[in-house]
Structures are given as structure tokens and as C-alpha cells.
Amino acid sequence: MFYGDVCKQHHTQTGLCSKLKVCKLCVKAYGVKPNRNIHQWGEKYCINCENMMPCNHLCYIRPSANIIISVKKWLMVFYDIECRQDEVVREGVNEHVPNLLVSRQV
């Protein structure tokens, strides 16, 4: 299940075989870590939520703490665009439709 000999060699030399497995049912790669639950079909680990979530889980940005910048000569604008994704373009692909823009000048 490798793309070629170079890929297989890299995979075995870096120890990925002990860190990454592929589910035989859903053909999804999942990490093998002692602090995580065993892979369940239809679930994936969300790095933003830091938890197992359904495969169709739509999560993109982790909330951050307040940002304090001491350098006053810079003008920085941080923004986040919230989108809904209920419009299907084709199976498995939903269109991002912006419905809220939040910005903060620092």
C-alpha cells in the first residue's frame, strides 16, 4: 500500500508503521497514540477540537487567547470569516458561503 519503493523506504525508516495505521473498512489513516481511543469507523481525530469527531465534522479555526503586542509601530488586523457549508456543490464537496466577518485591529 505504498506509492513506490522510495515511499515504502521512508515510511519504514521513520517509524511511521508504529505511528500510523489505515482502517480496512473506511480506508482512512489514523494515528496510533496511547492517549487516544482506538479508531472507530466514521470518526477522525480533530486537531482543533483535540477529540474524536465524526468524519463530516466541519471545524477550521481554534479560538485563541487575547493577543498582546508590545511593538506600537505596527498596525495589525486579525480577522475570521465564519461560513456556512450547507450548499452541496457535488457529493462530498460543500460550498463555503460567508455569513459573518469579525475583525480586530491591534
PDB file of N, CA and C in Angstrom:
ATOM      1  N   MET A   1       0.819  -1.183   0.000  1.00  0.00           N
ATOM      2  CA  MET A   1       0.000   0.000   0.000  1.00  0.00           C
ATOM      3  C   MET A   1       0.872   1.259   0.000  1.00  0.00           C
ATOM      4  N   PHE A   2       1.913   1.249  -0.819  1.00  0.00           N
ATOM      5  CA  PHE A   2       2.808   2.393  -0.929  1.00  0.00           C
ATOM      6  C   PHE A   2       2.812   2.879  -2.369  1.00  0.00           C
ATOM      7  N   TYR A   3       3.172   4.143  -2.572  1.00  0.00           N
ATOM      8  CA  TYR A   3       3.223   4.719  -3.913  1.00  0.00           C
ATOM      9  C   TYR A   3       4.465   4.275  -4.673  1.00  0.00           C
ATOM     10  N   GLY A   4       5.442   3.747  -3.984  1.00  0.00           N
ATOM     11  CA  GLY A   4       6.661   3.284  -4.636  1.00  0.00           C
ATOM     12  C   GLY A   4       7.679   2.860  -3.598  1.00  0.00           C
ATOM     13  N   ASP A   5       8.852   2.409  -4.067  1.00  0.00           N
ATOM     14  CA  ASP A   5       9.887   1.926  -3.158  1.00  0.00           C
ATOM     15  C   ASP A   5      10.434   3.032  -2.266  1.00  0.00           C
ATOM     16  N   VAL A   6      10.582   4.247  -2.810  1.00  0.00           N
ATOM     17  CA  VAL A   6      11.096   5.365  -2.011  1.00  0.00           C
ATOM     18  C   VAL A   6      10.131   5.682  -0.875  1.00  0.00           C
ATOM     19  N   CYS A   7       8.832   5.676  -1.179  1.00  0.00           N
ATOM     20  CA  CYS A   7       7.804   5.941  -0.170  1.00  0.00           C
ATOM     21  C   CYS A   7       7.837   4.857   0.910  1.00  0.00           C
ATOM     22  N   LYS A   8       7.947   3.607   0.504  1.00  0.00           N
ATOM     23  CA  LYS A   8       7.992   2.497   1.462  1.00  0.00           C
ATOM     24  C   LYS A   8       9.233   2.600   2.343  1.00  0.00           C
ATOM     25  N   GLN A   9      10.367   2.915   1.743  1.00  0.00           N
ATOM     26  CA  GLN A   9      11.614   3.038   2.491  1.00  0.00           C
ATOM     27  C   GLN A   9      11.510   4.166   3.532  1.00  0.00           C
ATOM     28  N   HIS A  10      10.982   5.332   3.114  1.00  0.00           N
ATOM     29  CA  HIS A  10      10.812   6.465   4.040  1.00  0.00           C
ATOM     30  C   HIS A  10       9.874   6.079   5.176  1.00  0.00           C
ATOM     31  N   HIS A  11       8.795   5.400   4.838  1.00  0.00           N
ATOM     32  CA  HIS A  11       7.786   5.003   5.814  1.00  0.00           C
ATOM     33  C   HIS A  11       8.393   4.091   6.882  1.00  0.00           C
ATOM     34  N   THR A  12       9.179   3.123   6.466  1.00  0.00           N
ATOM     35  CA  THR A  12       9.748   2.173   7.429  1.00  0.00           C
ATOM     36  C   THR A  12      10.911   2.785   8.211  1.00  0.00           C
ATOM     37  N   GLN A  13      11.723   3.628   7.586  1.00  0.00           N
ATOM     38  CA  GLN A  13      12.872   4.224   8.275  1.00  0.00           C
ATOM     39  C   GLN A  13      12.454   5.248   9.323  1.00  0.00           C
ATOM     40  N   THR A  14      11.380   5.976   9.092  1.00  0.00           N
ATOM     41  CA  THR A  14      10.942   6.997  10.048  1.00  0.00           C
ATOM     42  C   THR A  14      10.060   6.441  11.161  1.00  0.00           C
ATOM     43  N   GLY A  15       9.716   5.171  11.079  1.00  0.00           N
ATOM     44  CA  GLY A  15       8.903   4.569  12.127  1.00  0.00           C
ATOM     45  C   GLY A  15       7.419   4.861  12.003  1.00  0.00           C
ATOM     46  N   LEU A  16       6.972   5.273  10.827  1.00  0.00           N
ATOM     47  CA  LEU A  16       5.544   5.585  10.650  1.00  0.00           C
ATOM     48  C   LEU A  16       4.660   4.359  10.837  1.00  0.00           C
ATOM     49  N   CYS A  17       5.213   3.162  10.618  1.00  0.00           N
ATOM     50  CA  CYS A  17       4.412   1.949  10.775  1.00  0.00           C
ATOM     51  C   CYS A  17       3.875   1.813  12.203  1.00  0.00           C
ATOM     52  N   SER A  18       4.638   2.302  13.179  1.00  0.00           N
ATOM     53  CA  SER A  18       4.184   2.208  14.563  1.00  0.00           C
ATOM     54  C   SER A  18       3.333   3.403  14.971  1.00  0.00           C
ATOM     55  N   LYS A  19       3.263   4.443  14.142  1.00  0.00           N
ATOM     56  CA  LYS A  19       2.524   5.661  14.479  1.00  0.00           C
ATOM     57  C   LYS A  19       1.247   5.844  13.667  1.00  0.00           C
ATOM     58  N   LEU A  20       1.160   5.214  12.511  1.00  0.00           N
ATOM     59  CA  LEU A  20       0.050   5.463  11.594  1.00  0.00           C
ATOM     60  C   LEU A  20      -0.477   4.147  11.047  1.00  0.00           C
ATOM     61  N   LYS A  21      -1.776   3.977  11.073  1.00  0.00           N
ATOM     62  CA  LYS A  21      -2.437   2.783  10.539  1.00  0.00           C
ATOM     63  C   LYS A  21      -3.523   3.228   9.570  1.00  0.00           C
ATOM     64  N   VAL A  22      -3.977   2.313   8.733  1.00  0.00           N
ATOM     65  CA  VAL A  22      -5.065   2.574   7.797  1.00  0.00           C
ATOM     66  C   VAL A  22      -6.198   1.613   8.105  1.00  0.00           C
ATOM     67  N   CYS A  23      -7.389   2.166   8.284  1.00  0.00           N
ATOM     68  CA  CYS A  23      -8.576   1.357   8.576  1.00  0.00           C
ATOM     69  C   CYS A  23      -8.951   0.543   7.336  1.00  0.00           C
ATOM     70  N   LYS A  24      -9.152  -0.741   7.514  1.00  0.00           N
ATOM     71  CA  LYS A  24      -9.505  -1.606   6.383  1.00  0.00           C
ATOM     72  C   LYS A  24     -10.947  -1.400   5.929  1.00  0.00           C
ATOM     73  N   LEU A  25     -11.794  -0.844   6.809  1.00  0.00           N
ATOM     74  CA  LEU A  25     -13.194  -0.610   6.451  1.00  0.00           C
ATOM     75  C   LEU A  25     -13.396   0.693   5.698  1.00  0.00           C
ATOM     76  N   CYS A  26     -12.853   1.803   6.244  1.00  0.00           N
ATOM     77  CA  CYS A  26     -13.110   3.114   5.628  1.00  0.00           C
ATOM     78  C   CYS A  26     -11.892   3.674   4.895  1.00  0.00           C
ATOM     79  N   VAL A  27     -10.782   2.958   4.905  1.00  0.00           N
ATOM     80  CA  VAL A  27      -9.547   3.332   4.213  1.00  0.00           C
ATOM     81  C   VAL A  27      -9.077   4.732   4.611  1.00  0.00           C
ATOM     82  N   LYS A  28      -9.248   5.077   5.881  1.00  0.00           N
ATOM     83  CA  LYS A  28      -8.775   6.354   6.417  1.00  0.00           C
ATOM     84  C   LYS A  28      -7.541   6.085   7.270  1.00  0.00           C
ATOM     85  N   ALA A  29      -6.550   6.974   7.158  1.00  0.00           N
ATOM     86  CA  ALA A  29      -5.367   6.867   8.006  1.00  0.00           C
ATOM     87  C   ALA A  29      -5.693   7.441   9.377  1.00  0.00           C
ATOM     88  N   TYR A  30      -5.168   6.797  10.406  1.00  0.00           N
ATOM     89  CA  TYR A  30      -5.372   7.292  11.762  1.00  0.00           C
ATOM     90  C   TYR A  30      -4.102   7.068  12.575  1.00  0.00           C
ATOM     91  N   GLY A  31      -3.862   7.981  13.511  1.00  0.00           N
ATOM     92  CA  GLY A  31      -2.683   7.899  14.357  1.00  0.00           C
ATOM     93  C   GLY A  31      -2.883   6.924  15.493  1.00  0.00           C
ATOM     94  N   VAL A  32      -1.825   6.220  15.834  1.00  0.00           N
ATOM     95  CA  VAL A  32      -1.851   5.287  16.947  1.00  0.00           C
ATOM     96  C   VAL A  32      -1.069   5.923  18.085  1.00  0.00           C
ATOM     97  N   LYS A  33      -1.799   6.386  19.101  1.00  0.00           N
ATOM     98  CA  LYS A  33      -1.170   7.012  20.265  1.00  0.00           C
ATOM     99  C   LYS A  33      -1.797   6.430  21.516  1.00  0.00           C
ATOM    100  N   PRO A  34      -0.998   6.293  22.577  1.00  0.00           N
ATOM    101  CA  PRO A  34      -1.533   5.694  23.805  1.00  0.00           C
ATOM    102  C   PRO A  34      -2.678   6.479  24.438  1.00  0.00           C
ATOM    103  N   ASN A  35      -2.702   7.810  24.285  1.00  0.00           N
ATOM    104  CA  ASN A  35      -3.723   8.625  24.945  1.00  0.00           C
ATOM    105  C   ASN A  35      -4.985   8.803  24.104  1.00  0.00           C
ATOM    106  N   ARG A  36      -5.048   8.169  22.945  1.00  0.00           N
ATOM    107  CA  ARG A  36      -6.241   8.283  22.094  1.00  0.00           C
ATOM    108  C   ARG A  36      -6.984   6.953  22.056  1.00  0.00           C
ATOM    109  N   ASN A  37      -8.272   7.053  21.807  1.00  0.00           N
ATOM    110  CA  ASN A  37      -9.072   5.847  21.678  1.00  0.00           C
ATOM    111  C   ASN A  37      -8.735   5.119  20.386  1.00  0.00           C
ATOM    112  N   ILE A  38      -9.108   3.863  20.315  1.00  0.00           N
ATOM    113  CA  ILE A  38      -8.925   3.087  19.099  1.00  0.00           C
ATOM    114  C   ILE A  38      -9.826   3.655  18.011  1.00  0.00           C
ATOM    115  N   HIS A  39      -9.379   3.584  16.768  1.00  0.00           N
ATOM    116  CA  HIS A  39     -10.139   4.137  15.647  1.00  0.00           C
ATOM    117  C   HIS A  39     -11.519   3.505  15.564  1.00  0.00           C
ATOM    118  N   GLN A  40     -12.515   4.349  15.411  1.00  0.00           N
ATOM    119  CA  GLN A  40     -13.887   3.908  15.179  1.00  0.00           C
ATOM    120  C   GLN A  40     -14.273   4.313  13.762  1.00  0.00           C
ATOM    121  N   TRP A  41     -14.888   3.416  13.016  1.00  0.00           N
ATOM    122  CA  TRP A  41     -15.285   3.719  11.654  1.00  0.00           C
ATOM    123  C   TRP A  41     -16.205   4.929  11.657  1.00  0.00           C
ATOM    124  N   GLY A  42     -15.951   5.871  10.744  1.00  0.00           N
ATOM    125  CA  GLY A  42     -16.767   7.072  10.641  1.00  0.00           C
ATOM    126  C   GLY A  42     -16.304   8.206  11.532  1.00  0.00           C
ATOM    127  N   GLU A  43     -15.183   8.030  12.230  1.00  0.00           N
ATOM    128  CA  GLU A  43     -14.654   9.077  13.093  1.00  0.00           C
ATOM    129  C   GLU A  43     -13.225   9.418  12.706  1.00  0.00           C
ATOM    130  N   LYS A  44     -12.822  10.651  13.037  1.00  0.00           N
ATOM    131  CA  LYS A  44     -11.436  11.069  12.840  1.00  0.00           C
ATOM    132  C   LYS A  44     -11.041  11.970  13.995  1.00  0.00           C
ATOM    133  N   TYR A  45      -9.749  12.118  14.215  1.00  0.00           N
ATOM    134  CA  TYR A  45      -9.248  12.976  15.283  1.00  0.00           C
ATOM    135  C   TYR A  45      -9.169  14.398  14.754  1.00  0.00           C
ATOM    136  N   CYS A  46      -9.834  15.327  15.407  1.00  0.00           N
ATOM    137  CA  CYS A  46      -9.815  16.740  15.019  1.00  0.00           C
ATOM    138  C   CYS A  46      -8.727  17.434  15.829  1.00  0.00           C
ATOM    139  N   ILE A  47      -7.721  17.998  15.139  1.00  0.00           N
ATOM    140  CA  ILE A  47      -6.625  18.652  15.854  1.00  0.00           C
ATOM    141  C   ILE A  47      -7.073  19.966  16.488  1.00  0.00           C
ATOM    142  N   ASN A  48      -8.134  20.573  15.978  1.00  0.00           N
ATOM    143  CA  ASN A  48      -8.644  21.811  16.573  1.00  0.00           C
ATOM    144  C   ASN A  48      -9.428  21.534  17.850  1.00  0.00           C
ATOM    145  N   CYS A  49     -10.302  20.552  17.810  1.00  0.00           N
ATOM    146  CA  CYS A  49     -11.120  20.210  18.975  1.00  0.00           C
ATOM    147  C   CYS A  49     -10.376  19.293  19.941  1.00  0.00           C
ATOM    148  N   GLU A  50      -9.287  18.690  19.477  1.00  0.00           N
ATOM    149  CA  GLU A  50      -8.490  17.739  20.252  1.00  0.00           C
ATOM    150  C   GLU A  50      -9.347  16.600  20.785  1.00  0.00           C
ATOM    151  N   ASN A  51     -10.165  16.037  19.873  1.00  0.00           N
ATOM    152  CA  ASN A  51     -11.060  14.955  20.250  1.00  0.00           C
ATOM    153  C   ASN A  51     -11.464  14.189  18.996  1.00  0.00           C
ATOM    154  N   MET A  52     -11.979  12.972  19.171  1.00  0.00           N
ATOM    155  CA  MET A  52     -12.511  12.208  18.057  1.00  0.00           C
ATOM    156  C   MET A  52     -13.844  12.822  17.649  1.00  0.00           C
ATOM    157  N   MET A  53     -14.024  13.048  16.347  1.00  0.00           N
ATOM    158  CA  MET A  53     -15.235  13.673  15.831  1.00  0.00           C
ATOM    159  C   MET A  53     -15.720  12.885  14.618  1.00  0.00           C
ATOM    160  N   PRO A  54     -17.000  13.040  14.221  1.00  0.00           N
ATOM    161  CA  PRO A  54     -17.474  12.391  13.007  1.00  0.00           C
ATOM    162  C   PRO A  54     -16.678  12.873  11.782  1.00  0.00           C
ATOM    163  N   CYS A  55     -16.542  12.014  10.780  1.00  0.00           N
ATOM    164  CA  CYS A  55     -15.767  12.372   9.580  1.00  0.00           C
ATOM    165  C   CYS A  55     -16.307  13.614   8.886  1.00  0.00           C
ATOM    166  N   ASN A  56     -17.603  13.890   8.996  1.00  0.00           N
ATOM    167  CA  ASN A  56     -18.175  15.072   8.348  1.00  0.00           C
ATOM    168  C   ASN A  56     -18.140  16.302   9.261  1.00  0.00           C
ATOM    169  N   HIS A  57     -17.383  16.240  10.349  1.00  0.00           N
ATOM    170  CA  HIS A  57     -17.226  17.353  11.288  1.00  0.00           C
ATOM    171  C   HIS A  57     -16.582  18.532  10.563  1.00  0.00           C
ATOM    172  N   LEU A  58     -17.178  19.716  10.673  1.00  0.00           N
ATOM    173  CA  LEU A  58     -16.689  20.902   9.978  1.00  0.00           C
ATOM    174  C   LEU A  58     -16.125  21.878  11.010  1.00  0.00           C
ATOM    175  N   CYS A  59     -14.807  21.876  11.151  1.00  0.00           N
ATOM    176  CA  CYS A  59     -14.144  22.708  12.143  1.00  0.00           C
ATOM    177  C   CYS A  59     -12.839  23.198  11.530  1.00  0.00           C
ATOM    178  N   TYR A  60     -12.555  24.484  11.623  1.00  0.00           N
ATOM    179  CA  TYR A  60     -11.384  25.015  10.947  1.00  0.00           C
ATOM    180  C   TYR A  60     -10.458  25.833  11.831  1.00  0.00           C
ATOM    181  N   ILE A  61     -10.965  26.630  12.741  1.00  0.00           N
ATOM    182  CA  ILE A  61     -10.115  27.543  13.493  1.00  0.00           C
ATOM    183  C   ILE A  61     -10.336  27.342  14.988  1.00  0.00           C
ATOM    184  N   ARG A  62      -9.242  27.191  15.714  1.00  0.00           N
ATOM    185  CA  ARG A  62      -9.307  27.061  17.161  1.00  0.00           C
ATOM    186  C   ARG A  62      -9.358  28.463  17.777  1.00  0.00           C
ATOM    187  N   PRO A  63     -10.247  28.698  18.737  1.00  0.00           N
ATOM    188  CA  PRO A  63     -10.273  30.009  19.399  1.00  0.00           C
ATOM    189  C   PRO A  63      -8.931  30.275  20.078  1.00  0.00           C
ATOM    190  N   SER A  64      -8.465  31.507  20.003  1.00  0.00           N
ATOM    191  CA  SER A  64      -7.175  31.841  20.602  1.00  0.00           C
ATOM    192  C   SER A  64      -7.363  32.779  21.782  1.00  0.00           C
ATOM    193  N   ALA A  65      -6.341  32.837  22.613  1.00  0.00           N
ATOM    194  CA  ALA A  65      -6.344  33.758  23.749  1.00  0.00           C
ATOM    195  C   ALA A  65      -6.107  35.172  23.228  1.00  0.00           C
ATOM    196  N   ASN A  66      -6.327  36.161  24.064  1.00  0.00           N
ATOM    197  CA  ASN A  66      -6.072  37.548  23.657  1.00  0.00           C
ATOM    198  C   ASN A  66      -4.614  37.720  23.269  1.00  0.00           C
ATOM    199  N   ILE A  67      -4.383  38.446  22.224  1.00  0.00           N
ATOM    200  CA  ILE A  67      -3.039  38.668  21.719  1.00  0.00           C
ATOM    201  C   ILE A  67      -2.570  40.043  22.186  1.00  0.00           C
ATOM    202  N   ILE A  68      -1.419  40.073  22.837  1.00  0.00           N
ATOM    203  CA  ILE A  68      -0.852  41.332  23.317  1.00  0.00           C
ATOM    204  C   ILE A  68       0.453  41.563  22.570  1.00  0.00           C
ATOM    205  N   ILE A  69       0.551  42.688  21.890  1.00  0.00           N
ATOM    206  CA  ILE A  69       1.740  43.024  21.119  1.00  0.00           C
ATOM    207  C   ILE A  69       2.317  44.309  21.686  1.00  0.00           C
ATOM    208  N   SER A  70       3.608  44.280  22.029  1.00  0.00           N
ATOM    209  CA  SER A  70       4.224  45.449  22.654  1.00  0.00           C
ATOM    210  C   SER A  70       4.772  46.440  21.638  1.00  0.00           C
ATOM    211  N   VAL A  71       5.010  46.033  20.422  1.00  0.00           N
ATOM    212  CA  VAL A  71       5.553  46.935  19.411  1.00  0.00           C
ATOM    213  C   VAL A  71       4.404  47.788  18.866  1.00  0.00           C
ATOM    214  N   LYS A  72       4.516  49.121  19.016  1.00  0.00           N
ATOM    215  CA  LYS A  72       3.427  50.022  18.653  1.00  0.00           C
ATOM    216  C   LYS A  72       3.513  50.532  17.216  1.00  0.00           C
ATOM    217  N   LYS A  73       4.597  50.280  16.516  1.00  0.00           N
ATOM    218  CA  LYS A  73       4.723  50.838  15.182  1.00  0.00           C
ATOM    219  C   LYS A  73       4.027  49.999  14.107  1.00  0.00           C
ATOM    220  N   TRP A  74       3.468  48.882  14.491  1.00  0.00           N
ATOM    221  CA  TRP A  74       2.788  48.029  13.529  1.00  0.00           C
ATOM    222  C   TRP A  74       1.275  48.154  13.660  1.00  0.00           C
ATOM    223  N   LEU A  75       0.615  48.164  12.569  1.00  0.00           N
ATOM    224  CA  LEU A  75      -0.846  48.101  12.550  1.00  0.00           C
ATOM    225  C   LEU A  75      -1.197  46.694  12.085  1.00  0.00           C
ATOM    226  N   MET A  76      -1.875  45.958  12.936  1.00  0.00           N
ATOM    227  CA  MET A  76      -2.226  44.585  12.583  1.00  0.00           C
ATOM    228  C   MET A  76      -3.731  44.429  12.658  1.00  0.00           C
ATOM    229  N   VAL A  77      -4.273  43.735  11.706  1.00  0.00           N
ATOM    230  CA  VAL A  77      -5.692  43.436  11.680  1.00  0.00           C
ATOM    231  C   VAL A  77      -5.841  41.921  11.610  1.00  0.00           C
ATOM    232  N   PHE A  78      -6.525  41.366  12.584  1.00  0.00           N
ATOM    233  CA  PHE A  78      -6.817  39.940  12.610  1.00  0.00           C
ATOM    234  C   PHE A  78      -8.278  39.771  12.227  1.00  0.00           C
ATOM    235  N   TYR A  79      -8.549  38.732  11.484  1.00  0.00           N
ATOM    236  CA  TYR A  79      -9.933  38.538  11.053  1.00  0.00           C
ATOM    237  C   TYR A  79     -10.286  37.059  11.022  1.00  0.00           C
ATOM    238  N   ASP A  80     -11.560  36.805  11.068  1.00  0.00           N
ATOM    239  CA  ASP A  80     -12.095  35.457  10.957  1.00  0.00           C
ATOM    240  C   ASP A  80     -13.383  35.545  10.159  1.00  0.00           C
ATOM    241  N   ILE A  81     -13.502  34.710   9.170  1.00  0.00           N
ATOM    242  CA  ILE A  81     -14.723  34.681   8.361  1.00  0.00           C
ATOM    243  C   ILE A  81     -15.443  33.380   8.672  1.00  0.00           C
ATOM    244  N   GLU A  82     -16.617  33.494   9.253  1.00  0.00           N
ATOM    245  CA  GLU A  82     -17.435  32.317   9.526  1.00  0.00           C
ATOM    246  C   GLU A  82     -18.266  32.008   8.286  1.00  0.00           C
ATOM    247  N   CYS A  83     -18.316  30.755   7.935  1.00  0.00           N
ATOM    248  CA  CYS A  83     -19.044  30.333   6.736  1.00  0.00           C
ATOM    249  C   CYS A  83     -20.003  29.206   7.073  1.00  0.00           C
ATOM    250  N   ARG A  84     -21.081  29.182   6.345  1.00  0.00           N
ATOM    251  CA  ARG A  84     -21.959  28.022   6.427  1.00  0.00           C
ATOM    252  C   ARG A  84     -21.591  27.117   5.260  1.00  0.00           C
ATOM    253  N   GLN A  85     -21.869  25.839   5.401  1.00  0.00           N
ATOM    254  CA  GLN A  85     -21.467  24.889   4.368  1.00  0.00           C
ATOM    255  C   GLN A  85     -22.604  23.934   4.042  1.00  0.00           C
ATOM    256  N   ASP A  86     -23.787  24.474   3.924  1.00  0.00           N
ATOM    257  CA  ASP A  86     -24.936  23.612   3.674  1.00  0.00           C
ATOM    258  C   ASP A  86     -25.298  23.513   2.189  1.00  0.00           C
ATOM    259  N   GLU A  87     -24.610  24.234   1.324  1.00  0.00           N
ATOM    260  CA  GLU A  87     -24.870  24.156  -0.107  1.00  0.00           C
ATOM    261  C   GLU A  87     -23.915  23.151  -0.733  1.00  0.00           C
ATOM    262  N   VAL A  88     -24.465  22.074  -1.265  1.00  0.00           N
ATOM    263  CA  VAL A  88     -23.661  20.998  -1.847  1.00  0.00           C
ATOM    264  C   VAL A  88     -23.320  21.344  -3.292  1.00  0.00           C
ATOM    265  N   VAL A  89     -22.018  21.324  -3.611  1.00  0.00           N
ATOM    266  CA  VAL A  89     -21.552  21.549  -4.977  1.00  0.00           C
ATOM    267  C   VAL A  89     -21.623  20.224  -5.740  1.00  0.00           C
ATOM    268  N   ARG A  90     -21.053  19.189  -5.129  1.00  0.00           N
ATOM    269  CA  ARG A  90     -21.177  17.813  -5.617  1.00  0.00           C
ATOM    270  C   ARG A  90     -20.998  16.918  -4.396  1.00  0.00           C
ATOM    271  N   GLU A  91     -21.202  15.651  -4.533  1.00  0.00           N
ATOM    272  CA  GLU A  91     -21.152  14.753  -3.390  1.00  0.00           C
ATOM    273  C   GLU A  91     -19.811  14.859  -2.667  1.00  0.00           C
ATOM    274  N   GLY A  92     -19.881  15.148  -1.379  1.00  0.00           N
ATOM    275  CA  GLY A  92     -18.679  15.268  -0.569  1.00  0.00           C
ATOM    276  C   GLY A  92     -18.021  16.632  -0.608  1.00  0.00           C
ATOM    277  N   VAL A  93     -18.555  17.569  -1.416  1.00  0.00           N
ATOM    278  CA  VAL A  93     -17.971  18.910  -1.531  1.00  0.00           C
ATOM    279  C   VAL A  93     -19.071  19.929  -1.281  1.00  0.00           C
ATOM    280  N   ASN A  94     -18.891  20.727  -0.220  1.00  0.00           N
ATOM    281  CA  ASN A  94     -19.851  21.774   0.103  1.00  0.00           C
ATOM    282  C   ASN A  94     -19.216  23.131  -0.120  1.00  0.00           C
ATOM    283  N   GLU A  95     -20.017  24.085  -0.559  1.00  0.00           N
ATOM    284  CA  GLU A  95     -19.521  25.435  -0.818  1.00  0.00           C
ATOM    285  C   GLU A  95     -19.479  26.242   0.472  1.00  0.00           C
ATOM    286  N   HIS A  96     -18.380  26.971   0.685  1.00  0.00           N
ATOM    287  CA  HIS A  96     -18.257  27.875   1.824  1.00  0.00           C
ATOM    288  C   HIS A  96     -18.966  29.187   1.472  1.00  0.00           C
ATOM    289  N   VAL A  97     -20.028  29.523   2.209  1.00  0.00           N
ATOM    290  CA  VAL A  97     -20.771  30.756   1.991  1.00  0.00           C
ATOM    291  C   VAL A  97     -20.567  31.633   3.227  1.00  0.00           C
ATOM    292  N   PRO A  98     -19.823  32.741   3.099  1.00  0.00           N
ATOM    293  CA  PRO A  98     -19.574  33.597   4.268  1.00  0.00           C
ATOM    294  C   PRO A  98     -20.874  34.167   4.828  1.00  0.00           C
ATOM    295  N   ASN A  99     -20.985  34.136   6.180  1.00  0.00           N
ATOM    296  CA  ASN A  99     -22.150  34.740   6.807  1.00  0.00           C
ATOM    297  C   ASN A  99     -21.782  35.643   7.988  1.00  0.00           C
ATOM    298  N   LEU A 100     -20.486  35.730   8.333  1.00  0.00           N
ATOM    299  CA  LEU A 100     -20.048  36.623   9.408  1.00  0.00           C
ATOM    300  C   LEU A 100     -18.569  36.900   9.251  1.00  0.00           C
ATOM    301  N   LEU A 101     -18.209  38.176   9.328  1.00  0.00           N
ATOM    302  CA  LEU A 101     -16.805  38.590   9.302  1.00  0.00           C
ATOM    303  C   LEU A 101     -16.527  39.363  10.577  1.00  0.00           C
ATOM    304  N   VAL A 102     -15.534  38.912  11.327  1.00  0.00           N
ATOM    305  CA  VAL A 102     -15.148  39.578  12.567  1.00  0.00           C
ATOM    306  C   VAL A 102     -13.698  39.995  12.411  1.00  0.00           C
ATOM    307  N   SER A 103     -13.388  41.260  12.758  1.00  0.00           N
ATOM    308  CA  SER A 103     -12.010  41.725  12.664  1.00  0.00           C
ATOM    309  C   SER A 103     -11.645  42.515  13.904  1.00  0.00           C
ATOM    310  N   ARG A 104     -10.352  42.584  14.159  1.00  0.00           N
ATOM    311  CA  ARG A 104      -9.860  43.335  15.313  1.00  0.00           C
ATOM    312  C   ARG A 104      -8.532  43.989  14.922  1.00  0.00           C
ATOM    313  N   GLN A 105      -8.447  45.255  15.161  1.00  0.00           N
ATOM    314  CA  GLN A 105      -7.221  45.992  14.881  1.00  0.00           C
ATOM    315  C   GLN A 105      -6.397  46.051  16.155  1.00  0.00           C
ATOM    316  N   VAL A 106      -5.115  45.711  16.033  1.00  0.00           N
ATOM    317  CA  VAL A 106      -4.205  45.735  17.194  1.00  0.00           C
ATOM    318  C   VAL A 106      -3.104  46.711  16.916  1.00  0.00           C
TER     319      VAL A 106
END
